[in-house]
């Protein structure tokens, strides 16, 4: 995929996505950006927003996980939305149905586009979360969001296949719009619930370490396996040149999807 233009970074000038008129990303590039989720796993909203601004040319979705939400709360979600990101709230909800519904309703009203809920809670609780998330967005006059059922964490390498199938079925039956799963699990998730969005964390660049992730994949491996969206954090933020790493991932994404 061809790129043009540049953004300034500490080390100089880096490739950024091709843009249309007025400096806005072209439709094709914007579609690619919406498939990439920037994991802002930090405990400081100022640091998070600096990373978001720096990575904005390549990422259209920003992840607010437990660490950042605990440190900064809802205001950081508002800042990210104001900056033009969709927000992926990785709260991994798992509680009784009423509490899950109410928490999800609040997050929907705050403008989250995506929310994670554990499938281990069962169909009833998960469905309550899905419904609450939708209710919150609707009451706030916002577009319908997507609840994502967490199947098996990427840090759990030894989960039995039947457990994965059961949890995918729970997400499907509860009305989730998507799933969070490791790349090696995609063949199962697509077979059990082919219509659900597949969001894949544990993304690493070729030749880098796995850190605390038990089941990882490169961006190309994940896409070939059927991933719809990629959650990317350390693969870019810990790279010697984050801008170059991000540009490479976006380019690979475009090449794969156009092949």
Protein backbone atom coordinates (compact mmCIF):
# COMPACT_ATOMS: atom_id res chain seq x y z
CA UNK A 1 0.00 0.00 0.00
CA UNK A 2 1.41 3.34 -0.99
CA UNK A 3 1.97 5.99 1.64
CA UNK A 4 2.66 9.67 1.35
CA UNK A 5 3.20 12.56 3.67
CA UNK A 6 4.94 12.48 7.03
CA UNK A 7 4.63 13.29 10.68
CA UNK A 8 7.41 14.57 12.84
CA UNK A 9 8.76 12.40 15.62
CA UNK A 10 11.72 12.54 17.96
CA UNK A 11 13.89 10.79 15.39
CA UNK A 12 12.79 12.78 12.35
CA UNK A 13 10.12 12.22 9.72
CA UNK A 14 8.03 9.05 9.44
CA UNK A 15 5.63 7.68 6.86
CA UNK A 16 1.95 8.35 7.55
CA UNK A 17 -1.14 7.10 5.75
CA UNK A 18 -2.11 8.59 2.43
CA UNK A 19 -4.70 11.30 2.84
CA UNK A 20 -7.56 12.66 0.83
CA UNK A 21 -8.58 16.28 0.43
CA UNK A 22 -8.18 18.53 3.41
CA UNK A 23 -5.62 16.24 5.03
CA UNK A 24 -8.22 13.63 6.07
CA UNK A 25 -7.37 9.96 5.58
CA UNK A 26 -8.66 8.42 2.36
CA UNK A 27 -11.60 6.01 2.72
CA UNK A 28 -9.40 2.96 2.27
CA UNK A 29 -6.86 4.06 4.86
CA UNK A 30 -9.60 5.05 7.30
CA UNK A 31 -11.06 1.54 7.06
CA UNK A 32 -7.65 0.09 7.87
CA UNK A 33 -7.18 2.46 10.82
CA UNK A 34 -10.51 1.38 12.29
CA UNK A 35 -9.18 -2.19 12.41
CA UNK A 36 -6.25 -1.20 14.64
CA UNK A 37 -6.75 -0.69 18.38
CA UNK A 38 -4.01 1.18 20.24
CA UNK A 39 -3.60 -0.31 23.73
CA UNK A 40 -2.92 2.62 26.08
CA UNK A 41 -1.76 0.49 28.99
CA UNK A 42 -0.38 3.30 31.13
CA UNK A 43 -1.41 4.83 34.46
CA UNK A 44 -1.34 8.49 33.46
CA UNK A 45 -3.86 10.28 31.24
CA UNK A 46 -1.29 12.82 30.06
CA UNK A 47 1.03 10.06 28.88
CA UNK A 48 -1.91 8.24 27.31
CA UNK A 49 -3.01 11.30 25.36
CA UNK A 50 0.52 11.99 24.18
CA UNK A 51 0.75 8.45 22.81
CA UNK A 52 -2.70 8.77 21.26
CA UNK A 53 -1.74 11.97 19.45
CA UNK A 54 1.51 10.46 18.28
CA UNK A 55 -0.13 7.28 16.95
CA UNK A 56 -3.27 8.94 15.56
CA UNK A 57 -2.20 8.61 11.88
CA UNK A 58 -2.27 4.80 12.13
CA UNK A 59 -4.86 3.92 14.79
CA UNK A 60 -8.57 4.75 14.77
CA UNK A 61 -9.49 3.02 18.04
CA UNK A 62 -7.95 3.53 21.49
CA UNK A 63 -8.10 0.95 24.28
CA UNK A 64 -8.75 2.12 27.84
CA UNK A 65 -8.01 -0.84 30.08
CA UNK A 66 -8.22 -1.40 33.81
CA UNK A 67 -4.94 0.40 34.52
CA UNK A 68 -5.75 3.63 32.68
CA UNK A 69 -9.41 3.67 33.74
CA UNK A 70 -8.39 3.19 37.39
CA UNK A 71 -5.93 6.07 37.10
CA UNK A 72 -7.96 8.53 35.02
CA UNK A 73 -11.59 7.37 34.93
CA UNK A 74 -14.24 8.53 32.44
CA UNK A 75 -12.52 11.86 31.60
CA UNK A 76 -9.83 10.08 29.59
CA UNK A 77 -12.54 8.43 27.50
CA UNK A 78 -14.01 11.85 26.75
CA UNK A 79 -10.57 13.19 25.78
CA UNK A 80 -9.96 10.32 23.39
CA UNK A 81 -13.38 10.69 21.77
CA UNK A 82 -12.80 14.43 21.40
CA UNK A 83 -9.47 13.62 19.73
CA UNK A 84 -11.30 11.56 17.13
CA UNK A 85 -10.84 8.01 18.42
CA UNK A 86 -13.41 5.32 18.95
CA UNK A 87 -12.92 4.01 22.48
CA UNK A 88 -12.50 0.33 23.33
CA UNK A 89 -13.16 -0.03 27.07
CA UNK A 90 -11.40 -3.21 28.15
CA UNK A 91 -13.10 -3.53 31.54
CA UNK A 92 -13.54 -7.34 31.42
CA UNK A 93 -16.82 -7.10 33.34
CA UNK A 94 -17.77 -10.18 35.38
CA UNK A 95 -20.40 -9.74 38.08
CA UNK A 96 -24.04 -10.50 38.81
CA UNK A 97 -26.49 -9.58 36.02
CA UNK A 98 -27.82 -6.38 37.61
CA UNK A 99 -24.38 -4.96 38.34
CA UNK A 100 -23.06 -5.92 34.92
CA UNK A 101 -26.05 -4.32 33.20
CA UNK A 102 -25.72 -1.08 35.16
CA UNK A 103 -21.97 -0.77 34.67
CA UNK A 104 -22.31 -1.47 30.95
CA UNK A 105 -25.13 1.08 30.69
CA UNK A 106 -22.89 3.78 32.17
CA UNK A 107 -20.06 2.96 29.78
CA UNK A 108 -22.42 3.01 26.82
CA UNK A 109 -23.70 6.44 27.81
CA UNK A 110 -20.11 7.70 28.12
CA UNK A 111 -19.54 6.96 24.44
CA UNK A 112 -17.60 3.70 24.45
CA UNK A 113 -17.81 1.98 21.08
CA UNK A 114 -16.57 -1.39 22.35
CA UNK A 115 -16.77 -3.07 25.77
CA UNK A 116 -15.34 -6.39 26.96
CA UNK A 117 -17.34 -8.76 29.18
CA UNK A 118 -16.17 -12.20 30.30
CA UNK A 119 -18.07 -15.09 28.72
CA UNK A 120 -17.30 -17.15 31.83
CA UNK A 121 -20.20 -15.37 33.59
CA UNK A 122 -22.72 -17.30 31.47
CA UNK A 123 -25.40 -16.35 28.97
CA UNK A 124 -27.74 -14.56 31.42
CA UNK A 125 -25.17 -12.18 32.85
CA UNK A 126 -23.48 -11.60 29.52
CA UNK A 127 -26.81 -10.80 27.89
CA UNK A 128 -27.55 -8.32 30.67
CA UNK A 129 -24.26 -6.59 29.88
CA UNK A 130 -24.98 -6.51 26.15
CA UNK A 131 -28.42 -5.02 26.75
CA UNK A 132 -27.14 -2.47 29.27
CA UNK A 133 -24.40 -1.32 26.90
CA UNK A 134 -26.95 -0.81 24.12
CA UNK A 135 -29.34 0.99 26.47
CA UNK A 136 -26.70 3.45 27.63
CA UNK A 137 -25.70 4.40 24.10
CA UNK A 138 -29.32 4.70 22.96
CA UNK A 139 -30.29 6.94 25.87
CA UNK A 140 -27.34 9.21 25.07
CA UNK A 141 -28.32 9.37 21.39
CA UNK A 142 -25.15 7.56 20.31
CA UNK A 143 -24.58 4.93 17.61
CA UNK A 144 -25.12 1.31 18.62
CA UNK A 145 -21.95 -0.01 20.32
CA UNK A 146 -20.43 -3.50 20.18
CA UNK A 147 -20.18 -5.74 23.24
CA UNK A 148 -17.29 -8.20 23.00
CA UNK A 149 -17.24 -11.51 24.83
CA UNK A 150 -13.83 -12.47 26.20
CA UNK A 151 -13.24 -16.14 25.53
CA UNK A 152 -9.83 -17.28 26.81
CA UNK A 153 -7.05 -14.85 27.67
CA UNK A 154 -3.91 -14.90 25.54
CA UNK A 155 -1.92 -15.53 28.73
CA UNK A 156 -3.65 -18.94 29.15
CA UNK A 157 -1.88 -21.33 26.76
CA UNK A 158 -3.35 -24.61 28.07
CA UNK A 159 -7.12 -24.06 27.97
CA UNK A 160 -8.93 -27.09 26.52
CA UNK A 161 -10.58 -26.71 23.08
CA UNK A 162 -14.02 -27.62 24.44
CA UNK A 163 -13.87 -24.68 26.86
CA UNK A 164 -13.22 -22.31 23.96
CA UNK A 165 -16.16 -23.68 21.99
CA UNK A 166 -18.44 -23.36 25.02
CA UNK A 167 -17.45 -19.74 25.64
CA UNK A 168 -17.85 -18.76 22.00
CA UNK A 169 -21.34 -20.26 22.09
CA UNK A 170 -22.13 -18.21 25.21
CA UNK A 171 -21.13 -15.00 23.42
CA UNK A 172 -23.19 -15.93 20.38
CA UNK A 173 -26.27 -16.86 22.40
CA UNK A 174 -26.03 -13.75 24.59
CA UNK A 175 -26.16 -11.43 21.57
CA UNK A 176 -22.58 -10.17 21.61
CA UNK A 177 -21.46 -8.36 18.49
CA UNK A 178 -17.99 -9.77 18.71
CA UNK A 179 -15.36 -11.81 20.53
CA UNK A 180 -11.90 -11.30 21.95
CA UNK A 181 -9.69 -14.29 21.30
CA UNK A 182 -6.12 -15.30 20.50
CA UNK A 183 -5.15 -15.78 16.86
CA UNK A 184 -4.72 -19.59 17.23
CA UNK A 185 -8.36 -19.77 18.41
CA UNK A 186 -9.85 -18.13 15.32
CA UNK A 187 -10.57 -21.35 13.45
CA UNK A 188 -12.82 -22.45 16.31
CA UNK A 189 -14.46 -19.09 16.92
CA UNK A 190 -15.27 -18.60 13.24
CA UNK A 191 -16.76 -22.10 13.03
CA UNK A 192 -18.97 -21.68 16.11
CA UNK A 193 -19.95 -18.03 15.57
CA UNK A 194 -19.03 -16.96 12.03
CA UNK A 195 -20.96 -13.70 12.18
CA UNK A 196 -19.18 -12.20 15.18
CA UNK A 197 -16.41 -9.60 14.96
CA UNK A 198 -13.07 -11.18 15.89
CA UNK A 199 -10.81 -8.91 17.97
CA UNK A 200 -7.32 -10.32 18.51
CA UNK A 201 -4.80 -9.18 21.17
CA UNK A 202 -1.35 -10.69 21.71
CA UNK A 203 0.03 -9.11 18.54
CA UNK A 204 3.80 -9.11 18.25
CA UNK A 205 6.14 -8.14 15.42
CA UNK A 206 8.35 -10.83 13.94
CA UNK A 207 11.54 -11.34 15.93
CA UNK A 208 10.28 -9.78 19.18
CA UNK A 209 9.56 -11.42 22.54
CA UNK A 210 6.21 -12.68 23.80
CA UNK A 211 6.41 -10.84 27.16
CA UNK A 212 3.59 -12.25 29.35
CA UNK A 213 1.50 -13.50 26.44
CA UNK A 214 1.28 -17.27 25.97
CA UNK A 215 -0.31 -17.25 22.51
CA UNK A 216 0.82 -14.55 20.14
CA UNK A 217 0.81 -13.84 16.41
CA UNK A 218 2.23 -11.33 13.98
CA UNK A 219 -0.30 -8.94 12.38
CA UNK A 220 -0.16 -10.89 9.10
CA UNK A 221 -0.62 -14.25 10.84
CA UNK A 222 -3.64 -12.94 12.73
CA UNK A 223 -5.25 -11.49 9.61
CA UNK A 224 -4.71 -14.67 7.62
CA UNK A 225 -6.35 -16.63 10.43
CA UNK A 226 -9.46 -14.43 10.23
CA UNK A 227 -8.94 -11.50 12.63
CA UNK A 228 -11.14 -8.46 12.00
CA UNK A 229 -9.41 -6.09 14.46
CA UNK A 230 -6.01 -6.16 16.14
CA UNK A 231 -5.17 -4.89 19.64
CA UNK A 232 -1.62 -3.54 19.54
CA UNK A 233 0.35 -2.08 22.42
CA UNK A 234 3.92 -3.04 23.20
CA UNK A 235 4.59 -4.15 19.61
CA UNK A 236 4.46 -0.46 18.69
CA UNK A 237 4.93 1.53 21.89
CA UNK A 238 8.05 -0.40 22.94
CA UNK A 239 9.55 -0.45 19.44
CA UNK A 240 12.76 1.52 18.76
CA UNK A 241 10.71 3.64 16.34
CA UNK A 242 6.98 3.45 17.22
CA UNK A 243 6.02 5.41 14.10
CA UNK A 244 7.89 3.10 11.76
CA UNK A 245 6.45 0.02 13.48
CA UNK A 246 2.91 1.41 13.19
CA UNK A 247 3.39 2.34 9.53
CA UNK A 248 4.70 -1.15 8.79
CA UNK A 249 1.67 -2.80 10.43
CA UNK A 250 -0.78 -0.59 8.54
CA UNK A 251 1.03 -1.28 5.27
CA UNK A 252 0.98 -5.03 5.89
CA UNK A 253 -2.71 -4.83 6.73
CA UNK A 254 -3.45 -3.09 3.44
CA UNK A 255 -1.41 -5.55 1.40
CA UNK A 256 -3.09 -8.55 3.03
CA UNK A 257 -6.64 -7.27 2.62
CA UNK A 258 -6.10 -6.24 -1.02
CA UNK A 259 -4.46 -9.55 -1.99
